[in-house]
Amino acid sequence: MPYIIKAQTLALIPHGKKTKVLEYHCEKIIDETIQKIIDHNCCLNGSDLEGRRKGSTYLIGASYKPPIILDEVAKIILIPTHSYRNPLCIWLVLENILKYTYKSNTEVTIIFKNNQKLDLNITYAKFDRQLLRATRLESAIRGRNSKKYL
């Protein structure tokens, strides 16, 4: 049974042909690639990864490394650190990020809401841009949903 991404999921990290999953209270090694896990979870929510990417591009205009809406009801938006085709790409759950700090010219430290830390091989500026895209996507979804009541 593939891993189900849920509100307690913090990050999906490549681990060879497996995936290391960080959750609020534990870490797990899943015998599937991140791509398979995300695609399966997208399908559970009525689309596939490519459809989610196209939807994000439509809503926020970012076609390279767009965040994706995995589950609108549970407010799960995934942020990629690299191109989704890159085997080093880590995916983070926006809702669980508390803050991020500069560590070095090529690293940023993510601090999750449970105070767990994760160092990423990405510049502060690139991660800041990715987080901005994810919050723009979140805002676009919220704005789209509020128009139902006007």
N, C-alpha and C. Protein backbone atom coordinates (compact mmCIF):
# COMPACT_ATOMS: atom_id res chain seq x y z
N MET A 1 0.85 -1.19 0.00
CA MET A 1 0.00 0.00 0.00
C MET A 1 0.89 1.24 0.00
N PRO A 2 0.73 2.13 -0.97
CA PRO A 2 1.54 3.36 -1.02
C PRO A 2 1.28 4.26 0.20
N TYR A 3 2.27 5.07 0.49
CA TYR A 3 2.18 6.01 1.60
C TYR A 3 1.13 7.08 1.29
N ILE A 4 0.30 7.39 2.26
CA ILE A 4 -0.70 8.45 2.13
C ILE A 4 -0.16 9.70 2.82
N ILE A 5 -0.01 10.77 2.05
CA ILE A 5 0.46 12.04 2.60
C ILE A 5 -0.69 12.65 3.38
N LYS A 6 -0.40 13.06 4.61
CA LYS A 6 -1.44 13.58 5.48
C LYS A 6 -0.97 14.85 6.17
N ALA A 7 -1.82 15.41 7.00
CA ALA A 7 -1.50 16.68 7.67
C ALA A 7 -0.25 16.59 8.54
N GLN A 8 0.08 15.41 9.04
CA GLN A 8 1.26 15.23 9.90
C GLN A 8 2.55 15.05 9.11
N THR A 9 2.45 14.96 7.79
CA THR A 9 3.64 14.80 6.96
C THR A 9 4.37 16.14 6.87
N LEU A 10 5.67 16.10 7.11
CA LEU A 10 6.49 17.31 7.02
C LEU A 10 7.23 17.39 5.69
N ALA A 11 7.88 16.28 5.31
CA ALA A 11 8.71 16.29 4.10
C ALA A 11 8.86 14.89 3.53
N LEU A 12 9.08 14.85 2.22
CA LEU A 12 9.40 13.62 1.50
C LEU A 12 10.81 13.82 0.94
N ILE A 13 11.72 12.94 1.34
CA ILE A 13 13.13 13.09 0.99
C ILE A 13 13.60 11.87 0.21
N PRO A 14 14.27 12.06 -0.94
CA PRO A 14 14.76 10.90 -1.69
C PRO A 14 15.78 10.11 -0.87
N HIS A 15 15.68 8.81 -0.97
CA HIS A 15 16.56 7.91 -0.22
C HIS A 15 16.88 6.73 -1.16
N GLY A 16 17.68 7.00 -2.19
CA GLY A 16 17.93 6.01 -3.23
C GLY A 16 16.64 5.81 -4.02
N LYS A 17 16.21 4.57 -4.17
CA LYS A 17 14.95 4.27 -4.86
C LYS A 17 13.79 4.22 -3.86
N LYS A 18 14.07 4.63 -2.65
CA LYS A 18 13.06 4.68 -1.60
C LYS A 18 12.84 6.14 -1.21
N THR A 19 11.94 6.36 -0.25
CA THR A 19 11.64 7.71 0.21
C THR A 19 11.68 7.74 1.73
N LYS A 20 12.37 8.74 2.25
CA LYS A 20 12.36 8.98 3.69
C LYS A 20 11.25 10.00 3.94
N VAL A 21 10.32 9.65 4.81
CA VAL A 21 9.20 10.52 5.13
C VAL A 21 9.38 11.05 6.55
N LEU A 22 9.38 12.37 6.68
CA LEU A 22 9.40 12.99 8.01
C LEU A 22 7.96 13.32 8.38
N GLU A 23 7.56 12.86 9.57
CA GLU A 23 6.26 13.20 10.10
C GLU A 23 6.46 13.89 11.44
N TYR A 24 5.38 14.40 12.01
CA TYR A 24 5.46 15.12 13.28
C TYR A 24 6.19 14.33 14.36
N HIS A 25 5.91 13.04 14.47
CA HIS A 25 6.45 12.27 15.59
C HIS A 25 7.37 11.13 15.18
N CYS A 26 7.66 10.97 13.88
CA CYS A 26 8.51 9.85 13.47
C CYS A 26 9.07 10.07 12.08
N GLU A 27 9.98 9.19 11.71
CA GLU A 27 10.52 9.11 10.36
C GLU A 27 10.24 7.71 9.85
N LYS A 28 9.97 7.59 8.55
CA LYS A 28 9.69 6.30 7.93
C LYS A 28 10.47 6.20 6.64
N ILE A 29 10.86 4.98 6.30
CA ILE A 29 11.43 4.71 4.99
C ILE A 29 10.37 3.94 4.21
N ILE A 30 9.97 4.48 3.07
CA ILE A 30 8.93 3.88 2.24
C ILE A 30 9.60 3.27 1.00
N ASP A 31 9.20 2.08 0.63
CA ASP A 31 9.80 1.37 -0.50
C ASP A 31 9.27 1.83 -1.86
N GLU A 32 9.08 3.11 -2.02
CA GLU A 32 8.66 3.68 -3.30
C GLU A 32 9.36 5.01 -3.51
N THR A 33 9.45 5.42 -4.76
CA THR A 33 10.05 6.72 -5.06
C THR A 33 9.07 7.83 -4.69
N ILE A 34 9.60 9.01 -4.48
CA ILE A 34 8.76 10.17 -4.17
C ILE A 34 7.75 10.39 -5.29
N GLN A 35 8.22 10.29 -6.53
CA GLN A 35 7.34 10.52 -7.68
C GLN A 35 6.12 9.59 -7.64
N LYS A 36 6.34 8.31 -7.33
CA LYS A 36 5.22 7.36 -7.26
C LYS A 36 4.28 7.70 -6.12
N ILE A 37 4.85 8.07 -4.98
CA ILE A 37 4.03 8.42 -3.81
C ILE A 37 3.16 9.64 -4.13
N ILE A 38 3.76 10.68 -4.68
CA ILE A 38 3.01 11.90 -4.97
C ILE A 38 1.96 11.64 -6.06
N ASP A 39 2.35 10.92 -7.10
CA ASP A 39 1.39 10.65 -8.17
C ASP A 39 0.21 9.84 -7.64
N HIS A 40 0.47 8.85 -6.79
CA HIS A 40 -0.62 8.06 -6.20
C HIS A 40 -1.54 8.95 -5.36
N ASN A 41 -0.96 9.82 -4.56
CA ASN A 41 -1.76 10.72 -3.72
C ASN A 41 -2.56 11.70 -4.56
N CYS A 42 -1.99 12.18 -5.65
CA CYS A 42 -2.73 13.06 -6.57
C CYS A 42 -3.92 12.31 -7.14
N CYS A 43 -3.70 11.06 -7.56
CA CYS A 43 -4.78 10.25 -8.13
C CYS A 43 -5.90 10.04 -7.11
N LEU A 44 -5.54 9.86 -5.84
CA LEU A 44 -6.56 9.71 -4.80
C LEU A 44 -7.43 10.96 -4.67
N ASN A 45 -6.89 12.09 -5.10
CA ASN A 45 -7.62 13.36 -5.04
C ASN A 45 -8.12 13.82 -6.40
N GLY A 46 -8.20 12.88 -7.36
CA GLY A 46 -8.87 13.16 -8.62
C GLY A 46 -8.03 13.66 -9.77
N SER A 47 -6.70 13.57 -9.69
CA SER A 47 -5.85 14.03 -10.77
C SER A 47 -4.56 13.23 -10.73
N ASP A 48 -3.59 13.62 -11.53
CA ASP A 48 -2.25 13.05 -11.43
C ASP A 48 -1.28 14.21 -11.23
N LEU A 49 -0.01 13.89 -11.04
CA LEU A 49 0.98 14.93 -10.77
C LEU A 49 1.03 15.95 -11.90
N GLU A 50 0.99 15.49 -13.13
CA GLU A 50 1.05 16.43 -14.26
C GLU A 50 -0.17 17.35 -14.28
N GLY A 51 -1.34 16.82 -13.96
CA GLY A 51 -2.55 17.65 -13.89
C GLY A 51 -2.46 18.68 -12.79
N ARG A 52 -1.91 18.28 -11.65
CA ARG A 52 -1.74 19.23 -10.53
C ARG A 52 -0.74 20.32 -10.90
N ARG A 53 0.32 19.94 -11.59
CA ARG A 53 1.32 20.93 -12.03
C ARG A 53 0.68 21.93 -12.99
N LYS A 54 -0.11 21.44 -13.94
CA LYS A 54 -0.78 22.33 -14.89
C LYS A 54 -1.76 23.25 -14.18
N GLY A 55 -2.47 22.74 -13.20
CA GLY A 55 -3.41 23.56 -12.43
C GLY A 55 -2.70 24.67 -11.69
N SER A 56 -1.57 24.35 -11.08
CA SER A 56 -0.78 25.36 -10.36
C SER A 56 -0.26 26.42 -11.33
N THR A 57 0.23 25.98 -12.47
CA THR A 57 0.73 26.91 -13.48
C THR A 57 -0.39 27.85 -13.92
N TYR A 58 -1.58 27.32 -14.11
CA TYR A 58 -2.73 28.14 -14.50
C TYR A 58 -3.06 29.17 -13.42
N LEU A 59 -3.05 28.75 -12.16
CA LEU A 59 -3.46 29.64 -11.06
C LEU A 59 -2.43 30.72 -10.72
N ILE A 60 -1.12 30.37 -10.78
CA ILE A 60 -0.11 31.35 -10.35
C ILE A 60 0.89 31.73 -11.43
N GLY A 61 0.82 31.08 -12.58
CA GLY A 61 1.70 31.45 -13.68
C GLY A 61 3.11 30.90 -13.63
N ALA A 62 3.46 30.14 -12.61
CA ALA A 62 4.80 29.56 -12.50
C ALA A 62 4.82 28.20 -13.18
N SER A 63 5.64 28.06 -14.21
CA SER A 63 5.68 26.78 -14.92
C SER A 63 6.88 25.93 -14.52
N TYR A 64 7.89 26.53 -13.90
CA TYR A 64 9.07 25.79 -13.47
C TYR A 64 9.02 25.61 -11.95
N LYS A 65 9.11 24.40 -11.50
CA LYS A 65 9.05 24.03 -10.07
C LYS A 65 7.80 24.57 -9.38
N PRO A 66 6.62 24.41 -9.98
CA PRO A 66 5.43 24.92 -9.29
C PRO A 66 5.08 24.07 -8.08
N PRO A 67 4.58 24.68 -7.02
CA PRO A 67 4.04 23.89 -5.91
C PRO A 67 2.77 23.22 -6.41
N ILE A 68 2.33 22.19 -5.72
CA ILE A 68 1.09 21.54 -6.14
C ILE A 68 0.10 21.44 -4.98
N ILE A 69 -1.16 21.51 -5.32
CA ILE A 69 -2.23 21.31 -4.35
C ILE A 69 -2.46 19.80 -4.32
N LEU A 70 -2.14 19.19 -3.21
CA LEU A 70 -2.35 17.76 -3.12
C LEU A 70 -3.76 17.47 -2.61
N ASP A 71 -4.16 18.20 -1.58
CA ASP A 71 -5.49 17.99 -0.98
C ASP A 71 -6.01 19.35 -0.52
N GLU A 72 -7.01 19.85 -1.22
CA GLU A 72 -7.54 21.18 -0.94
C GLU A 72 -8.26 21.22 0.41
N VAL A 73 -8.97 20.16 0.75
CA VAL A 73 -9.72 20.12 2.01
C VAL A 73 -8.77 20.09 3.21
N ALA A 74 -7.75 19.24 3.14
CA ALA A 74 -6.79 19.12 4.24
C ALA A 74 -5.71 20.21 4.18
N LYS A 75 -5.78 21.09 3.19
CA LYS A 75 -4.83 22.18 3.00
C LYS A 75 -3.39 21.68 2.87
N ILE A 76 -3.22 20.66 2.03
CA ILE A 76 -1.88 20.12 1.80
C ILE A 76 -1.38 20.63 0.45
N ILE A 77 -0.40 21.54 0.53
CA ILE A 77 0.28 22.07 -0.64
C ILE A 77 1.73 21.63 -0.53
N LEU A 78 2.24 21.00 -1.59
CA LEU A 78 3.61 20.51 -1.59
C LEU A 78 4.53 21.46 -2.34
N ILE A 79 5.69 21.72 -1.75
CA ILE A 79 6.68 22.62 -2.32
C ILE A 79 7.90 21.79 -2.74
N PRO A 80 8.25 21.81 -4.04
CA PRO A 80 9.47 21.10 -4.46
C PRO A 80 10.71 21.99 -4.29
N THR A 81 11.82 21.36 -3.95
CA THR A 81 13.07 22.13 -3.84
C THR A 81 13.78 22.25 -5.18
N HIS A 82 13.50 21.31 -6.08
CA HIS A 82 14.12 21.27 -7.40
C HIS A 82 13.03 20.88 -8.40
N SER A 83 13.42 20.69 -9.65
CA SER A 83 12.49 20.16 -10.64
C SER A 83 12.00 18.81 -10.16
N TYR A 84 10.74 18.50 -10.38
CA TYR A 84 10.20 17.23 -9.90
C TYR A 84 10.88 16.03 -10.57
N ARG A 85 11.53 16.26 -11.69
CA ARG A 85 12.26 15.18 -12.38
C ARG A 85 13.64 14.94 -11.78
N ASN A 86 14.14 15.89 -11.00
CA ASN A 86 15.45 15.78 -10.38
C ASN A 86 15.40 14.77 -9.24
N PRO A 87 16.25 13.75 -9.26
CA PRO A 87 16.22 12.73 -8.20
C PRO A 87 16.56 13.28 -6.81
N LEU A 88 17.08 14.49 -6.73
CA LEU A 88 17.41 15.11 -5.44
C LEU A 88 16.28 15.98 -4.89
N CYS A 89 15.17 16.06 -5.62
CA CYS A 89 14.07 16.94 -5.22
C CYS A 89 13.43 16.46 -3.93
N ILE A 90 13.33 17.37 -2.98
CA ILE A 90 12.65 17.14 -1.70
C ILE A 90 11.33 17.90 -1.78
N TRP A 91 10.28 17.30 -1.26
CA TRP A 91 8.96 17.95 -1.24
C TRP A 91 8.59 18.24 0.21
N LEU A 92 8.16 19.47 0.46
CA LEU A 92 7.79 19.91 1.81
C LEU A 92 6.31 20.28 1.85
N VAL A 93 5.68 20.07 3.00
CA VAL A 93 4.28 20.44 3.17
C VAL A 93 4.24 21.88 3.72
N LEU A 94 3.68 22.78 2.93
CA LEU A 94 3.65 24.21 3.27
C LEU A 94 3.08 24.46 4.67
N GLU A 95 1.98 23.85 4.98
CA GLU A 95 1.26 24.11 6.24
C GLU A 95 2.11 23.81 7.48
N ASN A 96 3.12 22.95 7.34
CA ASN A 96 3.92 22.54 8.50
C ASN A 96 5.22 23.31 8.66
N ILE A 97 5.49 24.26 7.77
CA ILE A 97 6.71 25.06 7.88
C ILE A 97 6.46 26.25 8.80
N LEU A 98 7.25 26.34 9.84
CA LEU A 98 7.15 27.47 10.77
C LEU A 98 7.97 28.65 10.27
N LYS A 99 9.25 28.37 9.92
CA LYS A 99 10.13 29.40 9.39
C LYS A 99 11.33 28.74 8.73
N TYR A 100 12.15 29.57 8.10
CA TYR A 100 13.37 29.07 7.47
C TYR A 100 14.44 30.12 7.64
N THR A 101 15.67 29.66 7.77
CA THR A 101 16.77 30.57 8.04
C THR A 101 17.96 30.28 7.12
N TYR A 102 18.74 31.30 6.90
CA TYR A 102 19.97 31.20 6.11
C TYR A 102 20.98 30.38 6.91
N LYS A 103 21.60 29.39 6.27
CA LYS A 103 22.65 28.61 6.93
C LYS A 103 24.01 28.89 6.29
N SER A 104 24.05 28.87 4.95
CA SER A 104 25.28 29.18 4.22
C SER A 104 24.88 29.63 2.82
N ASN A 105 25.86 29.90 1.97
CA ASN A 105 25.55 30.33 0.60
C ASN A 105 24.72 29.31 -0.17
N THR A 106 24.83 28.05 0.21
CA THR A 106 24.13 27.00 -0.54
C THR A 106 23.16 26.19 0.32
N GLU A 107 22.88 26.65 1.53
CA GLU A 107 22.00 25.90 2.42
C GLU A 107 21.02 26.80 3.17
N VAL A 108 19.86 26.24 3.41
CA VAL A 108 18.84 26.90 4.21
C VAL A 108 18.34 25.87 5.23
N THR A 109 17.98 26.33 6.41
CA THR A 109 17.44 25.44 7.44
C THR A 109 15.94 25.68 7.55
N ILE A 110 15.18 24.61 7.42
CA ILE A 110 13.73 24.66 7.57
C ILE A 110 13.41 24.28 9.01
N ILE A 111 12.56 25.04 9.65
CA ILE A 111 12.10 24.72 10.99
C ILE A 111 10.60 24.48 10.89
N PHE A 112 10.21 23.27 11.23
CA PHE A 112 8.80 22.89 11.14
C PHE A 112 8.07 23.29 12.42
N LYS A 113 6.76 23.23 12.40
CA LYS A 113 5.94 23.65 13.54
C LYS A 113 6.18 22.80 14.79
N ASN A 114 6.72 21.61 14.63
CA ASN A 114 7.05 20.78 15.79
C ASN A 114 8.50 21.01 16.24
N ASN A 115 9.14 22.06 15.71
CA ASN A 115 10.52 22.46 16.00
C ASN A 115 11.58 21.52 15.45
N GLN A 116 11.19 20.57 14.63
CA GLN A 116 12.15 19.72 13.94
C GLN A 116 12.83 20.56 12.86
N LYS A 117 14.12 20.32 12.65
CA LYS A 117 14.88 21.09 11.66
C LYS A 117 15.32 20.19 10.52
N LEU A 118 15.42 20.79 9.34
CA LEU A 118 15.90 20.09 8.15
C LEU A 118 16.76 21.04 7.35
N ASP A 119 18.01 20.66 7.11
CA ASP A 119 18.90 21.47 6.28
C ASP A 119 18.73 21.05 4.83
N LEU A 120 18.56 22.04 3.95
CA LEU A 120 18.37 21.79 2.53
C LEU A 120 19.51 22.36 1.71
N ASN A 121 19.90 21.64 0.68
CA ASN A 121 20.91 22.11 -0.26
C ASN A 121 20.25 22.99 -1.31
N ILE A 122 19.88 24.17 -0.91
CA ILE A 122 19.24 25.14 -1.80
C ILE A 122 19.55 26.52 -1.22
N THR A 123 19.73 27.49 -2.08
CA THR A 123 20.03 28.83 -1.56
C THR A 123 18.79 29.42 -0.89
N TYR A 124 19.03 30.34 -0.01
CA TYR A 124 17.94 31.02 0.69
C TYR A 124 17.00 31.69 -0.31
N ALA A 125 17.58 32.36 -1.31
CA ALA A 125 16.77 33.08 -2.30
C ALA A 125 15.87 32.13 -3.09
N LYS A 126 16.41 30.97 -3.49
CA LYS A 126 15.61 30.01 -4.26
C LYS A 126 14.48 29.44 -3.40
N PHE A 127 14.80 29.12 -2.14
CA PHE A 127 13.75 28.57 -1.28
C PHE A 127 12.69 29.63 -0.99
N ASP A 128 13.14 30.85 -0.77
CA ASP A 128 12.20 31.94 -0.52
C ASP A 128 11.23 32.09 -1.70
N ARG A 129 11.75 31.99 -2.92
CA ARG A 129 10.92 32.06 -4.12
C ARG A 129 9.92 30.90 -4.17
N GLN A 130 10.36 29.70 -3.80
CA GLN A 130 9.48 28.54 -3.81
C GLN A 130 8.36 28.70 -2.77
N LEU A 131 8.71 29.19 -1.60
CA LEU A 131 7.71 29.40 -0.56
C LEU A 131 6.72 30.49 -0.98
N LEU A 132 7.21 31.53 -1.62
CA LEU A 132 6.33 32.59 -2.12
C LEU A 132 5.34 32.04 -3.14
N ARG A 133 5.81 31.18 -4.03
CA ARG A 133 4.91 30.56 -5.02
C ARG A 133 3.83 29.74 -4.32
N ALA A 134 4.23 29.00 -3.29
CA ALA A 134 3.27 28.16 -2.57
C ALA A 134 2.23 29.01 -1.85
N THR A 135 2.64 30.12 -1.26
CA THR A 135 1.68 30.98 -0.57
C THR A 135 0.78 31.69 -1.58
N ARG A 136 1.32 32.00 -2.77
CA ARG A 136 0.47 32.57 -3.84
C ARG A 136 -0.57 31.55 -4.29
N LEU A 137 -0.17 30.29 -4.37
CA LEU A 137 -1.11 29.24 -4.75
C LEU A 137 -2.19 29.08 -3.68
N GLU A 138 -1.77 29.11 -2.43
CA GLU A 138 -2.73 29.02 -1.32
C GLU A 138 -3.72 30.18 -1.37
N SER A 139 -3.22 31.38 -1.64
CA SER A 139 -4.07 32.56 -1.74
C SER A 139 -5.02 32.46 -2.93
N ALA A 140 -4.53 31.94 -4.05
CA ALA A 140 -5.38 31.79 -5.23
C ALA A 140 -6.52 30.82 -4.96
N ILE A 141 -6.23 29.76 -4.23
CA ILE A 141 -7.27 28.79 -3.89
C ILE A 141 -8.29 29.42 -2.95
N ARG A 142 -7.79 30.13 -1.95
CA ARG A 142 -8.69 30.79 -1.00
C ARG A 142 -9.56 31.82 -1.71
N GLY A 143 -8.97 32.59 -2.62
CA GLY A 143 -9.71 33.59 -3.37
C GLY A 143 -10.74 32.96 -4.28
N ARG A 144 -10.37 31.87 -4.91
CA ARG A 144 -11.31 31.16 -5.78
C ARG A 144 -12.48 30.61 -4.98
N ASN A 145 -12.21 30.07 -3.80
CA ASN A 145 -13.28 29.52 -2.96
C ASN A 145 -14.19 30.59 -2.38
N SER A 146 -13.63 31.78 -2.09
CA SER A 146 -14.47 32.83 -1.50
C SER A 146 -15.42 33.43 -2.54
N LYS A 147 -15.08 33.33 -3.82
CA LYS A 147 -15.94 33.86 -4.88
C LYS A 147 -17.25 33.10 -5.00
N LYS A 148 -17.29 31.89 -4.45
CA LYS A 148 -18.52 31.08 -4.49
C LYS A 148 -19.64 31.77 -3.73
N TYR A 149 -19.27 32.57 -2.75
CA TYR A 149 -20.27 33.16 -1.87
C TYR A 149 -20.64 34.59 -2.25
N LEU A 150 -20.05 35.10 -3.29
CA LEU A 150 -20.35 36.48 -3.69
C LEU A 150 -21.57 36.55 -4.59
